[in-house]
PDB file of all heavy atoms in Angstrom:
ATOM      1  N   SER A   1     131.446 109.959 137.007  1.00  0.00           N
ATOM      2  CA  SER A   1     130.518 108.809 137.257  1.00  0.00           C
ATOM      3  C   SER A   1     129.821 108.447 136.001  1.00  0.00           C
ATOM      4  O   SER A   1     129.712 107.270 135.638  1.00  0.00           O
ATOM      5  CB  SER A   1     129.487 109.236 138.348  1.00  0.00           C
ATOM      6  OG  SER A   1     130.104 109.601 139.542  1.00  0.00           O
ATOM      7  N   LEU A   2     129.245 109.437 135.249  1.00  0.00           N
ATOM      8  CA  LEU A   2     128.539 109.120 134.023  1.00  0.00           C
ATOM      9  C   LEU A   2     129.498 108.665 132.946  1.00  0.00           C
ATOM     10  O   LEU A   2     129.123 107.806 132.124  1.00  0.00           O
ATOM     11  CB  LEU A   2     127.837 110.415 133.555  1.00  0.00           C
ATOM     12  CG  LEU A   2     126.680 110.900 134.447  1.00  0.00           C
ATOM     13  CD1 LEU A   2     126.148 112.174 133.906  1.00  0.00           C
ATOM     14  CD2 LEU A   2     125.551 109.855 134.532  1.00  0.00           C
ATOM     15  N   ALA A   3     130.741 109.007 133.054  1.00  0.00           N
ATOM     16  CA  ALA A   3     131.735 108.527 132.042  1.00  0.00           C
ATOM     17  C   ALA A   3     132.011 107.001 132.167  1.00  0.00           C
ATOM     18  O   ALA A   3     132.411 106.363 131.251  1.00  0.00           O
ATOM     19  CB  ALA A   3     133.060 109.318 132.187  1.00  0.00           C
ATOM     20  N   ILE A   4     131.760 106.467 133.407  1.00  0.00           N
ATOM     21  CA  ILE A   4     131.991 105.071 133.545  1.00  0.00           C
ATOM     22  C   ILE A   4     131.099 104.244 132.674  1.00  0.00           C
ATOM     23  O   ILE A   4     131.538 103.225 132.056  1.00  0.00           O
ATOM     24  CB  ILE A   4     131.730 104.671 135.053  1.00  0.00           C
ATOM     25  CG1 ILE A   4     132.777 105.326 135.986  1.00  0.00           C
ATOM     26  CG2 ILE A   4     131.786 103.122 135.215  1.00  0.00           C
ATOM     27  CD1 ILE A   4     132.536 105.062 137.446  1.00  0.00           C
ATOM     28  N   ASP A   5     129.842 104.678 132.506  1.00  0.00           N
ATOM     29  CA  ASP A   5     128.953 104.011 131.623  1.00  0.00           C
ATOM     30  C   ASP A   5     129.431 104.080 130.120  1.00  0.00           C
ATOM     31  O   ASP A   5     129.307 103.199 129.413  1.00  0.00           O
ATOM     32  CB  ASP A   5     127.550 104.681 131.724  1.00  0.00           C
ATOM     33  CG  ASP A   5     126.461 103.679 131.293  1.00  0.00           C
ATOM     34  OD1 ASP A   5     126.682 102.426 131.463  1.00  0.00           O
ATOM     35  OD2 ASP A   5     125.377 104.058 130.816  1.00  0.00           O
ATOM     36  N   ASN A   6     129.983 105.250 129.796  1.00  0.00           N
ATOM     37  CA  ASN A   6     130.594 105.416 128.490  1.00  0.00           C
ATOM     38  C   ASN A   6     131.705 104.480 128.252  1.00  0.00           C
ATOM     39  O   ASN A   6     131.944 103.911 127.183  1.00  0.00           O
ATOM     40  CB  ASN A   6     131.060 106.913 128.312  1.00  0.00           C
ATOM     41  CG  ASN A   6     131.203 107.311 126.828  1.00  0.00           C
ATOM     42  OD1 ASN A   6     130.804 106.526 125.995  1.00  0.00           O
ATOM     43  ND2 ASN A   6     131.719 108.470 126.604  1.00  0.00           N
ATOM     44  N   VAL A   7     132.535 104.281 129.336  1.00  0.00           N
ATOM     45  CA  VAL A   7     133.710 103.388 129.249  1.00  0.00           C
ATOM     46  C   VAL A   7     133.178 101.970 128.964  1.00  0.00           C
ATOM     47  O   VAL A   7     133.788 101.194 128.176  1.00  0.00           O
ATOM     48  CB  VAL A   7     134.453 103.382 130.529  1.00  0.00           C
ATOM     49  CG1 VAL A   7     135.379 102.158 130.641  1.00  0.00           C
ATOM     50  CG2 VAL A   7     135.275 104.599 130.658  1.00  0.00           C
ATOM     51  N   PHE A   8     132.095 101.561 129.570  1.00  0.00           N
ATOM     52  CA  PHE A   8     131.565 100.210 129.339  1.00  0.00           C
ATOM     53  C   PHE A   8     131.053 100.054 127.857  1.00  0.00           C
ATOM     54  O   PHE A   8     131.108  98.961 127.272  1.00  0.00           O
ATOM     55  CB  PHE A   8     130.448  99.874 130.297  1.00  0.00           C
ATOM     56  CG  PHE A   8     130.878  99.734 131.772  1.00  0.00           C
ATOM     57  CD1 PHE A   8     129.995  99.880 132.781  1.00  0.00           C
ATOM     58  CD2 PHE A   8     132.271  99.484 132.029  1.00  0.00           C
ATOM     59  CE1 PHE A   8     130.438  99.754 134.101  1.00  0.00           C
ATOM     60  CE2 PHE A   8     132.690  99.333 133.349  1.00  0.00           C
ATOM     61  CZ  PHE A   8     131.762  99.430 134.379  1.00  0.00           C
ATOM     62  N   VAL A   9     130.506 101.128 127.353  1.00  0.00           N
ATOM     63  CA  VAL A   9     130.098 101.117 125.909  1.00  0.00           C
ATOM     64  C   VAL A   9     131.395 100.887 125.021  1.00  0.00           C
ATOM     65  O   VAL A   9     131.300 100.147 124.098  1.00  0.00           O
ATOM     66  CB  VAL A   9     129.356 102.381 125.590  1.00  0.00           C
ATOM     67  CG1 VAL A   9     129.080 102.506 124.044  1.00  0.00           C
ATOM     68  CG2 VAL A   9     128.000 102.469 126.224  1.00  0.00           C
ATOM     69  N   TRP A  10     132.397 101.680 125.320  1.00  0.00           N
ATOM     70  CA  TRP A  10     133.621 101.437 124.551  1.00  0.00           C
ATOM     71  C   TRP A  10     134.130  99.997 124.605  1.00  0.00           C
ATOM     72  O   TRP A  10     134.566  99.409 123.576  1.00  0.00           O
ATOM     73  CB  TRP A  10     134.753 102.275 125.075  1.00  0.00           C
ATOM     74  CG  TRP A  10     134.520 103.784 124.950  1.00  0.00           C
ATOM     75  CD1 TRP A  10     133.549 104.413 124.162  1.00  0.00           C
ATOM     76  CD2 TRP A  10     135.364 104.801 125.502  1.00  0.00           C
ATOM     77  NE1 TRP A  10     133.673 105.775 124.200  1.00  0.00           N
ATOM     78  CE2 TRP A  10     134.763 106.099 125.015  1.00  0.00           C
ATOM     79  CE3 TRP A  10     136.403 104.901 126.324  1.00  0.00           C
ATOM     80  CZ2 TRP A  10     135.298 107.297 125.415  1.00  0.00           C
ATOM     81  CZ3 TRP A  10     136.912 106.134 126.666  1.00  0.00           C
ATOM     82  CH2 TRP A  10     136.386 107.355 126.199  1.00  0.00           C
ATOM     83  N   LEU A  11     134.048  99.437 125.751  1.00  0.00           N
ATOM     84  CA  LEU A  11     134.453  98.036 125.988  1.00  0.00           C
ATOM     85  C   LEU A  11     133.677  97.066 125.075  1.00  0.00           C
ATOM     86  O   LEU A  11     134.137  96.131 124.407  1.00  0.00           O
ATOM     87  CB  LEU A  11     134.350  97.664 127.428  1.00  0.00           C
ATOM     88  CG  LEU A  11     134.803  96.215 127.798  1.00  0.00           C
ATOM     89  CD1 LEU A  11     136.313  96.036 127.492  1.00  0.00           C
ATOM     90  CD2 LEU A  11     134.559  95.940 129.308  1.00  0.00           C
ATOM     91  N   MET A  12     132.370  97.331 125.053  1.00  0.00           N
ATOM     92  CA  MET A  12     131.433  96.584 124.209  1.00  0.00           C
ATOM     93  C   MET A  12     131.755  96.664 122.763  1.00  0.00           C
ATOM     94  O   MET A  12     131.815  95.692 121.994  1.00  0.00           O
ATOM     95  CB  MET A  12     130.041  96.957 124.489  1.00  0.00           C
ATOM     96  CG  MET A  12     128.933  96.237 123.658  1.00  0.00           C
ATOM     97  SD  MET A  12     127.237  96.812 124.125  1.00  0.00           S
ATOM     98  CE  MET A  12     127.438  98.598 123.657  1.00  0.00           C
ATOM     99  N   LEU A  13     132.074  97.889 122.324  1.00  0.00           N
ATOM    100  CA  LEU A  13     132.413  98.175 120.895  1.00  0.00           C
ATOM    101  C   LEU A  13     133.762  97.464 120.544  1.00  0.00           C
ATOM    102  O   LEU A  13     133.820  96.797 119.412  1.00  0.00           O
ATOM    103  CB  LEU A  13     132.489  99.666 120.640  1.00  0.00           C
ATOM    104  CG  LEU A  13     131.276 100.475 120.708  1.00  0.00           C
ATOM    105  CD1 LEU A  13     131.535 102.002 120.616  1.00  0.00           C
ATOM    106  CD2 LEU A  13     130.351 100.077 119.585  1.00  0.00           C
ATOM    107  N   PHE A  14     134.729  97.559 121.360  1.00  0.00           N
ATOM    108  CA  PHE A  14     135.988  96.950 121.080  1.00  0.00           C
ATOM    109  C   PHE A  14     135.886  95.459 121.040  1.00  0.00           C
ATOM    110  O   PHE A  14     136.468  94.759 120.201  1.00  0.00           O
ATOM    111  CB  PHE A  14     137.063  97.295 122.067  1.00  0.00           C
ATOM    112  CG  PHE A  14     137.541  98.768 122.025  1.00  0.00           C
ATOM    113  CD1 PHE A  14     137.672  99.601 123.047  1.00  0.00           C
ATOM    114  CD2 PHE A  14     137.935  99.289 120.719  1.00  0.00           C
ATOM    115  CE1 PHE A  14     138.107 100.876 122.947  1.00  0.00           C
ATOM    116  CE2 PHE A  14     138.375 100.542 120.523  1.00  0.00           C
ATOM    117  CZ  PHE A  14     138.494 101.356 121.718  1.00  0.00           C
ATOM    118  N   SER A  15     135.072  94.870 121.923  1.00  0.00           N
ATOM    119  CA  SER A  15     134.826  93.467 121.910  1.00  0.00           C
ATOM    120  C   SER A  15     134.096  92.996 120.684  1.00  0.00           C
ATOM    121  O   SER A  15     134.465  91.947 120.033  1.00  0.00           O
ATOM    122  CB  SER A  15     134.085  93.105 123.126  1.00  0.00           C
ATOM    123  OG  SER A  15     133.722  91.715 123.162  1.00  0.00           O
ATOM    124  N   PHE A  16     133.078  93.809 120.199  1.00  0.00           N
ATOM    125  CA  PHE A  16     132.202  93.389 119.068  1.00  0.00           C
ATOM    126  C   PHE A  16     133.068  93.375 117.830  1.00  0.00           C
ATOM    127  O   PHE A  16     132.952  92.507 116.994  1.00  0.00           O
ATOM    128  CB  PHE A  16     131.118  94.381 118.893  1.00  0.00           C
ATOM    129  CG  PHE A  16     130.178  94.126 117.744  1.00  0.00           C
ATOM    130  CD1 PHE A  16     129.305  93.045 117.669  1.00  0.00           C
ATOM    131  CD2 PHE A  16     130.333  94.893 116.565  1.00  0.00           C
ATOM    132  CE1 PHE A  16     128.530  92.746 116.584  1.00  0.00           C
ATOM    133  CE2 PHE A  16     129.556  94.655 115.502  1.00  0.00           C
ATOM    134  CZ  PHE A  16     128.677  93.576 115.471  1.00  0.00           C
ATOM    135  N   PHE A  17     133.988  94.392 117.630  1.00  0.00           N
ATOM    136  CA  PHE A  17     134.783  94.508 116.410  1.00  0.00           C
ATOM    137  C   PHE A  17     136.103  93.750 116.591  1.00  0.00           C
ATOM    138  O   PHE A  17     136.992  93.748 115.595  1.00  0.00           O
ATOM    139  CB  PHE A  17     135.040  95.969 116.100  1.00  0.00           C
ATOM    140  CG  PHE A  17     133.818  96.668 115.543  1.00  0.00           C
ATOM    141  CD1 PHE A  17     133.172  97.540 116.316  1.00  0.00           C
ATOM    142  CD2 PHE A  17     133.346  96.372 114.261  1.00  0.00           C
ATOM    143  CE1 PHE A  17     132.001  98.200 115.880  1.00  0.00           C
ATOM    144  CE2 PHE A  17     132.245  97.029 113.799  1.00  0.00           C
ATOM    145  CZ  PHE A  17     131.546  97.912 114.611  1.00  0.00           C
ATOM    146  N   GLY A  18     136.394  93.136 117.703  1.00  0.00           N
ATOM    147  CA  GLY A  18     137.594  92.295 117.906  1.00  0.00           C
ATOM    148  C   GLY A  18     138.783  93.146 117.837  1.00  0.00           C
ATOM    149  O   GLY A  18     139.893  92.790 117.355  1.00  0.00           O
ATOM    150  N   ILE A  19     138.831  94.383 118.497  1.00  0.00           N
ATOM    151  CA  ILE A  19     139.954  95.235 118.488  1.00  0.00           C
ATOM    152  C   ILE A  19     140.872  94.869 119.683  1.00  0.00           C
ATOM    153  O   ILE A  19     140.526  94.929 120.848  1.00  0.00           O
ATOM    154  CB  ILE A  19     139.577  96.697 118.638  1.00  0.00           C
ATOM    155  CG1 ILE A  19     138.510  97.122 117.642  1.00  0.00           C
ATOM    156  CG2 ILE A  19     140.790  97.600 118.475  1.00  0.00           C
ATOM    157  CD1 ILE A  19     138.881  96.946 116.155  1.00  0.00           C
ATOM    158  N   PRO A  20     142.118  94.409 119.422  1.00  0.00           N
ATOM    159  CA  PRO A  20     143.012  94.024 120.471  1.00  0.00           C
ATOM    160  C   PRO A  20     143.441  95.243 121.374  1.00  0.00           C
ATOM    161  O   PRO A  20     143.402  96.395 120.857  1.00  0.00           O
ATOM    162  CB  PRO A  20     144.245  93.424 119.798  1.00  0.00           C
ATOM    163  CG  PRO A  20     144.205  93.968 118.464  1.00  0.00           C
ATOM    164  CD  PRO A  20     142.749  94.211 118.140  1.00  0.00           C
ATOM    165  N   LEU A  21     143.851  94.997 122.588  1.00  0.00           N
ATOM    166  CA  LEU A  21     144.187  96.085 123.491  1.00  0.00           C
ATOM    167  C   LEU A  21     145.224  97.007 122.925  1.00  0.00           C
ATOM    168  O   LEU A  21     145.177  98.166 123.113  1.00  0.00           O
ATOM    169  CB  LEU A  21     144.651  95.445 124.820  1.00  0.00           C
ATOM    170  CG  LEU A  21     143.636  94.974 125.787  1.00  0.00           C
ATOM    171  CD1 LEU A  21     144.252  94.217 126.965  1.00  0.00           C
ATOM    172  CD2 LEU A  21     142.655  96.054 126.261  1.00  0.00           C
ATOM    173  N   GLU A  22     146.257  96.470 122.285  1.00  0.00           N
ATOM    174  CA  GLU A  22     147.347  97.323 121.739  1.00  0.00           C
ATOM    175  C   GLU A  22     146.893  98.315 120.632  1.00  0.00           C
ATOM    176  O   GLU A  22     147.688  99.260 120.404  1.00  0.00           O
ATOM    177  CB  GLU A  22     148.578  96.478 121.285  1.00  0.00           C
ATOM    178  CG  GLU A  22     148.221  95.574 120.148  1.00  0.00           C
ATOM    179  CD  GLU A  22     147.729  94.131 120.678  1.00  0.00           C
ATOM    180  OE1 GLU A  22     147.328  94.084 121.842  1.00  0.00           O
ATOM    181  OE2 GLU A  22     147.729  93.188 119.843  1.00  0.00           O
ATOM    182  N   LEU A  23     145.705  98.029 120.009  1.00  0.00           N
ATOM    183  CA  LEU A  23     145.224  98.921 119.027  1.00  0.00           C
ATOM    184  C   LEU A  23     144.151  99.877 119.503  1.00  0.00           C
ATOM    185  O   LEU A  23     143.774 100.768 118.750  1.00  0.00           O
ATOM    186  CB  LEU A  23     144.666  98.115 117.845  1.00  0.00           C
ATOM    187  CG  LEU A  23     145.639  97.288 116.999  1.00  0.00           C
ATOM    188  CD1 LEU A  23     144.939  96.489 115.896  1.00  0.00           C
ATOM    189  CD2 LEU A  23     146.814  98.039 116.455  1.00  0.00           C
ATOM    190  N   GLN A  24     143.673  99.640 120.698  1.00  0.00           N
ATOM    191  CA  GLN A  24     142.639 100.480 121.224  1.00  0.00           C
ATOM    192  C   GLN A  24     143.121 101.892 121.639  1.00  0.00           C
ATOM    193  O   GLN A  24     142.365 102.857 121.606  1.00  0.00           O
ATOM    194  CB  GLN A  24     142.092  99.791 122.448  1.00  0.00           C
ATOM    195  CG  GLN A  24     141.300  98.487 122.123  1.00  0.00           C
ATOM    196  CD  GLN A  24     140.882  97.775 123.344  1.00  0.00           C
ATOM    197  OE1 GLN A  24     140.894  98.246 124.481  1.00  0.00           O
ATOM    198  NE2 GLN A  24     140.406  96.513 123.145  1.00  0.00           N
ATOM    199  N   LYS A  25     144.439 102.061 121.903  1.00  0.00           N
ATOM    200  CA  LYS A  25     144.999 103.324 122.347  1.00  0.00           C
ATOM    201  C   LYS A  25     144.719 104.434 121.382  1.00  0.00           C
ATOM    202  O   LYS A  25     144.297 105.544 121.777  1.00  0.00           O
ATOM    203  CB  LYS A  25     146.491 103.181 122.576  1.00  0.00           C
ATOM    204  CG  LYS A  25     147.199 104.446 122.961  1.00  0.00           C
ATOM    205  CD  LYS A  25     148.686 104.198 123.214  1.00  0.00           C
ATOM    206  CE  LYS A  25     149.401 105.437 123.610  1.00  0.00           C
ATOM    207  NZ  LYS A  25     149.578 106.335 122.421  1.00  0.00           N
ATOM    208  N   ARG A  26     144.980 104.176 120.059  1.00  0.00           N
ATOM    209  CA  ARG A  26     144.797 105.241 119.140  1.00  0.00           C
ATOM    210  C   ARG A  26     143.329 105.736 118.992  1.00  0.00           C
ATOM    211  O   ARG A  26     143.073 106.896 118.947  1.00  0.00           O
ATOM    212  CB  ARG A  26     145.299 104.774 117.704  1.00  0.00           C
ATOM    213  CG  ARG A  26     145.315 105.935 116.736  1.00  0.00           C
ATOM    214  CD  ARG A  26     145.777 105.496 115.333  1.00  0.00           C
ATOM    215  NE  ARG A  26     145.895 106.665 114.449  1.00  0.00           N
ATOM    216  CZ  ARG A  26     145.961 106.585 113.167  1.00  0.00           C
ATOM    217  NH1 ARG A  26     145.920 105.404 112.567  1.00  0.00           N
ATOM    218  NH2 ARG A  26     146.107 107.678 112.448  1.00  0.00           N
ATOM    219  N   VAL A  27     142.422 104.781 119.052  1.00  0.00           N
ATOM    220  CA  VAL A  27     141.004 105.075 118.986  1.00  0.00           C
ATOM    221  C   VAL A  27     140.573 105.949 120.214  1.00  0.00           C
ATOM    222  O   VAL A  27     139.884 106.905 120.111  1.00  0.00           O
ATOM    223  CB  VAL A  27     140.151 103.863 118.884  1.00  0.00           C
ATOM    224  CG1 VAL A  27     138.665 104.205 118.968  1.00  0.00           C
ATOM    225  CG2 VAL A  27     140.389 103.109 117.563  1.00  0.00           C
ATOM    226  N   LEU A  28     141.092 105.536 121.356  1.00  0.00           N
ATOM    227  CA  LEU A  28     140.720 106.262 122.657  1.00  0.00           C
ATOM    228  C   LEU A  28     141.300 107.664 122.727  1.00  0.00           C
ATOM    229  O   LEU A  28     140.683 108.639 123.143  1.00  0.00           O
ATOM    230  CB  LEU A  28     141.166 105.450 123.816  1.00  0.00           C
ATOM    231  CG  LEU A  28     140.423 104.049 124.008  1.00  0.00           C
ATOM    232  CD1 LEU A  28     141.067 103.362 125.199  1.00  0.00           C
ATOM    233  CD2 LEU A  28     138.922 104.265 124.245  1.00  0.00           C
ATOM    234  N   VAL A  29     142.557 107.793 122.169  1.00  0.00           N
ATOM    235  CA  VAL A  29     143.181 109.157 122.157  1.00  0.00           C
ATOM    236  C   VAL A  29     142.411 110.059 121.281  1.00  0.00           C
ATOM    237  O   VAL A  29     142.054 111.177 121.676  1.00  0.00           O
ATOM    238  CB  VAL A  29     144.602 109.035 121.608  1.00  0.00           C
ATOM    239  CG1 VAL A  29     145.136 110.434 121.274  1.00  0.00           C
ATOM    240  CG2 VAL A  29     145.527 108.380 122.669  1.00  0.00           C
ATOM    241  N   LEU A  30     142.008 109.617 120.073  1.00  0.00           N
ATOM    242  CA  LEU A  30     141.234 110.474 119.137  1.00  0.00           C
ATOM    243  C   LEU A  30     139.867 110.686 119.773  1.00  0.00           C
ATOM    244  O   LEU A  30     139.214 111.729 119.571  1.00  0.00           O
ATOM    245  CB  LEU A  30     141.172 109.863 117.811  1.00  0.00           C
ATOM    246  CG  LEU A  30     142.460 109.805 117.028  1.00  0.00           C
ATOM    247  CD1 LEU A  30     142.332 109.042 115.702  1.00  0.00           C
ATOM    248  CD2 LEU A  30     142.968 111.207 116.768  1.00  0.00           C
ATOM    249  N   GLY A  31     139.307 109.692 120.420  1.00  0.00           N
ATOM    250  CA  GLY A  31     137.989 109.802 121.033  1.00  0.00           C
ATOM    251  C   GLY A  31     137.926 110.873 122.125  1.00  0.00           C
ATOM    252  O   GLY A  31     137.043 111.634 122.212  1.00  0.00           O
ATOM    253  N   VAL A  32     139.037 110.886 122.912  1.00  0.00           N
ATOM    254  CA  VAL A  32     139.112 111.928 123.990  1.00  0.00           C
ATOM    255  C   VAL A  32     139.272 113.329 123.402  1.00  0.00           C
ATOM    256  O   VAL A  32     138.651 114.217 123.886  1.00  0.00           O
ATOM    257  CB  VAL A  32     140.270 111.566 124.944  1.00  0.00           C
ATOM    258  CG1 VAL A  32     140.598 112.720 125.879  1.00  0.00           C
ATOM    259  CG2 VAL A  32     139.955 110.301 125.741  1.00  0.00           C
ATOM    260  N   LEU A  33     140.170 113.440 122.337  1.00  0.00           N
ATOM    261  CA  LEU A  33     140.294 114.772 121.722  1.00  0.00           C
ATOM    262  C   LEU A  33     138.948 115.212 121.126  1.00  0.00           C
ATOM    263  O   LEU A  33     138.648 116.437 121.265  1.00  0.00           O
ATOM    264  CB  LEU A  33     141.349 114.633 120.624  1.00  0.00           C
ATOM    265  CG  LEU A  33     142.790 114.464 121.151  1.00  0.00           C
ATOM    266  CD1 LEU A  33     143.703 114.200 119.876  1.00  0.00           C
ATOM    267  CD2 LEU A  33     143.293 115.596 121.924  1.00  0.00           C
ATOM    268  N   GLY A  34     138.268 114.379 120.466  1.00  0.00           N
ATOM    269  CA  GLY A  34     136.969 114.687 119.865  1.00  0.00           C
ATOM    270  C   GLY A  34     136.006 115.177 120.949  1.00  0.00           C
ATOM    271  O   GLY A  34     135.218 116.070 120.774  1.00  0.00           O
ATOM    272  N   ALA A  35     136.052 114.430 122.078  1.00  0.00           N
ATOM    273  CA  ALA A  35     135.090 114.660 123.158  1.00  0.00           C
ATOM    274  C   ALA A  35     135.341 116.056 123.785  1.00  0.00           C
ATOM    275  O   ALA A  35     134.408 116.781 124.115  1.00  0.00           O
ATOM    276  CB  ALA A  35     135.216 113.619 124.247  1.00  0.00           C
ATOM    277  N   ILE A  36     136.581 116.468 123.847  1.00  0.00           N
ATOM    278  CA  ILE A  36     137.001 117.752 124.407  1.00  0.00           C
ATOM    279  C   ILE A  36     136.427 118.860 123.585  1.00  0.00           C
ATOM    280  O   ILE A  36     135.796 119.873 124.010  1.00  0.00           O
ATOM    281  CB  ILE A  36     138.567 117.910 124.646  1.00  0.00           C
ATOM    282  CG1 ILE A  36     138.929 116.951 125.787  1.00  0.00           C
ATOM    283  CG2 ILE A  36     138.886 119.330 124.970  1.00  0.00           C
ATOM    284  CD1 ILE A  36     140.422 116.890 125.971  1.00  0.00           C
ATOM    285  N   VAL A  37     136.703 118.752 122.245  1.00  0.00           N
ATOM    286  CA  VAL A  37     136.251 119.775 121.316  1.00  0.00           C
ATOM    287  C   VAL A  37     134.703 119.888 121.311  1.00  0.00           C
ATOM    288  O   VAL A  37     134.142 120.965 121.397  1.00  0.00           O
ATOM    289  CB  VAL A  37     136.764 119.458 119.916  1.00  0.00           C
ATOM    290  CG1 VAL A  37     136.169 120.500 118.886  1.00  0.00           C
ATOM    291  CG2 VAL A  37     138.306 119.555 119.864  1.00  0.00           C
TER     292      VAL A  37
END
């Protein structure tokens, strides 16, 4: 539930920096790995 708010923050960041959907995958993969550690 709390992660949903984090997802919306990611959406805002990608929108602000103009990151297209096909390039968001790499950032999210590394973001998830970093979050686990």
